[in-house]
Amino acid sequence: MRSATAVGLGVIIALAIGLLVVFGILAPVFTTFFGLELAGSTALPLTLMLFADAFSFYFGGMAASYRAPSWRRLHGVLVAPVAFVLSPAINLVTGNGPFPGLQGTPAYLLVGIFLAVSVVASYVGARRGESLYTYNRKIARRRPR
């Protein structure tokens, strides 16, 4: 149960940070420079979205790794695939297809790129969470009681 809680916490943190970055920090950039309709090149918005994705899953993987009871790195890395499976599952339950609005190979390639970036960022965050946990345990043992 603690494993599911750790991964769930990581997914929630990743989604919350992602929403805050995209709709909080980057929203003025998107509306000011690209307008509400994103006319023109989509290279910069895509790069910013990839950054937001990596940033959020880094912290989600770190939180899951830190809170996991064992196998910390695995729990941190599981944040990205679990989030990736939850989204199509919710879409299927609500009556839509697994990826509504995605058509064609370029769209699915983009989904694959975002998944790869998420997994790599979760792995890096999981390593950081594991090292933070080890460091904090070492300091706690040295501290006099």
Protein backbone atom coordinates (compact mmCIF):
# COMPACT_ATOMS: atom_id res chain seq x y z
CA MET A 1 0.00 0.00 0.00
CA ARG A 2 2.86 2.39 0.77
CA SER A 3 4.26 1.74 -2.71
CA ALA A 4 1.00 2.75 -4.38
CA THR A 5 0.79 5.80 -2.14
CA ALA A 6 4.35 6.83 -3.03
CA VAL A 7 3.76 6.50 -6.77
CA GLY A 8 0.36 8.19 -6.48
CA LEU A 9 1.92 11.08 -4.60
CA GLY A 10 4.55 11.38 -7.32
CA VAL A 11 1.89 11.45 -10.05
CA ILE A 12 -0.14 14.09 -8.19
CA ILE A 13 2.93 16.26 -7.64
CA ALA A 14 3.99 15.89 -11.28
CA LEU A 15 0.53 16.84 -12.51
CA ALA A 16 0.19 19.75 -10.08
CA ILE A 17 3.59 21.21 -10.97
CA GLY A 18 2.89 20.68 -14.66
CA LEU A 19 -0.41 22.54 -14.41
CA LEU A 20 1.16 25.34 -12.40
CA VAL A 21 3.98 25.76 -14.90
CA VAL A 22 1.84 25.57 -18.04
CA PHE A 23 -1.19 27.54 -16.86
CA GLY A 24 0.60 29.74 -14.37
CA ILE A 25 4.10 30.63 -15.48
CA LEU A 26 3.94 29.92 -19.21
CA ALA A 27 0.36 31.10 -19.85
CA PRO A 28 1.35 34.78 -20.19
CA VAL A 29 4.16 33.78 -22.55
CA PHE A 30 1.78 31.76 -24.70
CA THR A 31 -0.90 34.45 -24.85
CA THR A 32 1.48 37.38 -25.33
CA PHE A 33 3.77 35.96 -27.97
CA PHE A 34 1.59 33.41 -29.69
CA GLY A 35 -1.96 34.61 -29.05
CA LEU A 36 -4.72 32.34 -27.93
CA GLU A 37 -4.66 30.34 -31.15
CA LEU A 38 -0.90 29.60 -31.47
CA ALA A 39 -0.65 30.81 -35.05
CA GLY A 40 2.66 30.19 -36.80
CA SER A 41 5.49 27.95 -35.71
CA THR A 42 4.86 25.52 -32.88
CA ALA A 43 8.54 24.80 -32.18
CA LEU A 44 8.88 27.18 -29.22
CA PRO A 45 5.61 26.22 -27.51
CA LEU A 46 6.52 22.57 -27.95
CA THR A 47 9.95 23.17 -26.43
CA LEU A 48 8.37 25.00 -23.50
CA MET A 49 5.89 22.16 -23.00
CA LEU A 50 8.71 19.59 -23.05
CA PHE A 51 10.52 21.66 -20.43
CA ALA A 52 7.38 21.82 -18.27
CA ASP A 53 6.94 18.06 -18.69
CA ALA A 54 10.51 17.30 -17.66
CA PHE A 55 10.39 19.76 -14.76
CA SER A 56 7.20 18.33 -13.31
CA PHE A 57 8.11 14.66 -13.69
CA TYR A 58 11.53 15.31 -12.17
CA PHE A 59 9.91 16.44 -8.94
CA GLY A 60 7.23 13.75 -9.12
CA GLY A 61 9.87 11.04 -9.46
CA MET A 62 11.89 12.56 -6.63
CA ALA A 63 8.88 12.63 -4.29
CA ALA A 64 7.88 9.06 -5.12
CA SER A 65 11.43 7.83 -4.66
CA TYR A 66 11.79 9.57 -1.33
CA ARG A 67 8.48 8.24 0.04
CA ALA A 68 8.83 4.66 -1.24
CA PRO A 69 9.34 1.89 1.32
CA SER A 70 11.98 0.12 -0.80
CA TRP A 71 13.26 -0.02 -4.37
CA ARG A 72 13.23 3.76 -4.43
CA ARG A 73 14.51 4.26 -7.94
CA LEU A 74 11.86 1.96 -9.41
CA HIS A 75 9.06 3.80 -7.61
CA GLY A 76 10.34 7.11 -8.89
CA VAL A 77 10.55 5.88 -12.47
CA LEU A 78 7.04 4.40 -12.28
CA VAL A 79 5.53 7.87 -11.94
CA ALA A 80 5.68 8.55 -15.70
CA PRO A 81 4.21 5.24 -16.96
CA VAL A 82 1.47 5.31 -14.34
CA ALA A 83 0.47 8.83 -15.36
CA PHE A 84 0.63 7.76 -19.01
CA VAL A 85 -1.69 4.78 -18.36
CA LEU A 86 -4.11 6.73 -16.15
CA SER A 87 -4.90 9.35 -18.77
CA PRO A 88 -6.11 6.94 -21.51
CA ALA A 89 -7.94 4.87 -18.88
CA ILE A 90 -9.89 7.92 -17.71
CA ASN A 91 -10.59 8.85 -21.33
CA LEU A 92 -11.94 5.35 -22.03
CA VAL A 93 -14.16 5.41 -18.92
CA THR A 94 -15.64 8.75 -19.94
CA GLY A 95 -16.53 7.38 -23.36
CA ASN A 96 -13.80 8.95 -25.47
CA GLY A 97 -11.05 7.07 -27.23
CA PRO A 98 -7.75 6.54 -25.42
CA PHE A 99 -6.22 9.62 -27.06
CA PRO A 100 -9.04 11.86 -28.31
CA GLY A 101 -7.99 14.39 -30.89
CA LEU A 102 -4.80 12.57 -31.90
CA GLN A 103 -4.69 11.58 -35.52
CA GLY A 104 -1.78 10.58 -37.64
CA THR A 105 1.75 9.45 -37.10
CA PRO A 106 3.25 12.84 -36.12
CA ALA A 107 0.83 13.15 -33.20
CA TYR A 108 1.65 9.68 -31.91
CA LEU A 109 5.35 10.38 -32.37
CA LEU A 110 4.91 13.49 -30.24
CA VAL A 111 3.18 11.42 -27.54
CA GLY A 112 6.14 9.02 -27.62
CA ILE A 113 8.59 11.89 -27.25
CA PHE A 114 6.69 13.27 -24.27
CA LEU A 115 6.60 9.81 -22.68
CA ALA A 116 10.35 9.37 -23.20
CA VAL A 117 11.10 12.80 -21.70
CA SER A 118 8.82 11.98 -18.76
CA VAL A 119 10.51 8.66 -18.06
CA VAL A 120 14.02 10.15 -18.27
CA ALA A 121 13.07 13.05 -16.01
CA SER A 122 11.41 10.67 -13.53
CA TYR A 123 14.56 8.55 -13.49
CA VAL A 124 16.78 11.54 -12.78
CA GLY A 125 14.37 12.69 -10.08
CA ALA A 126 14.25 9.17 -8.62
CA ARG A 127 18.03 9.12 -8.32
CA ARG A 128 17.92 12.48 -6.56
CA GLY A 129 15.15 11.32 -4.20
CA GLU A 130 17.09 8.17 -3.39
CA SER A 131 20.23 10.13 -2.57
CA LEU A 132 18.28 12.64 -0.47
CA TYR A 133 16.71 9.80 1.51
CA THR A 134 20.11 8.18 2.10
CA TYR A 135 21.63 11.48 3.18
CA ASN A 136 18.79 12.31 5.55
CA ARG A 137 18.94 8.84 7.13
CA LYS A 138 22.70 9.20 7.65
CA ILE A 139 22.26 12.61 9.30
CA ALA A 140 19.41 11.31 11.47
CA ARG A 141 21.59 8.44 12.74
CA ARG A 142 24.45 10.80 13.62
CA ARG A 143 22.28 13.27 15.49
CA PRO A 144 22.39 12.79 19.27
CA ARG A 145 19.11 12.06 20.94
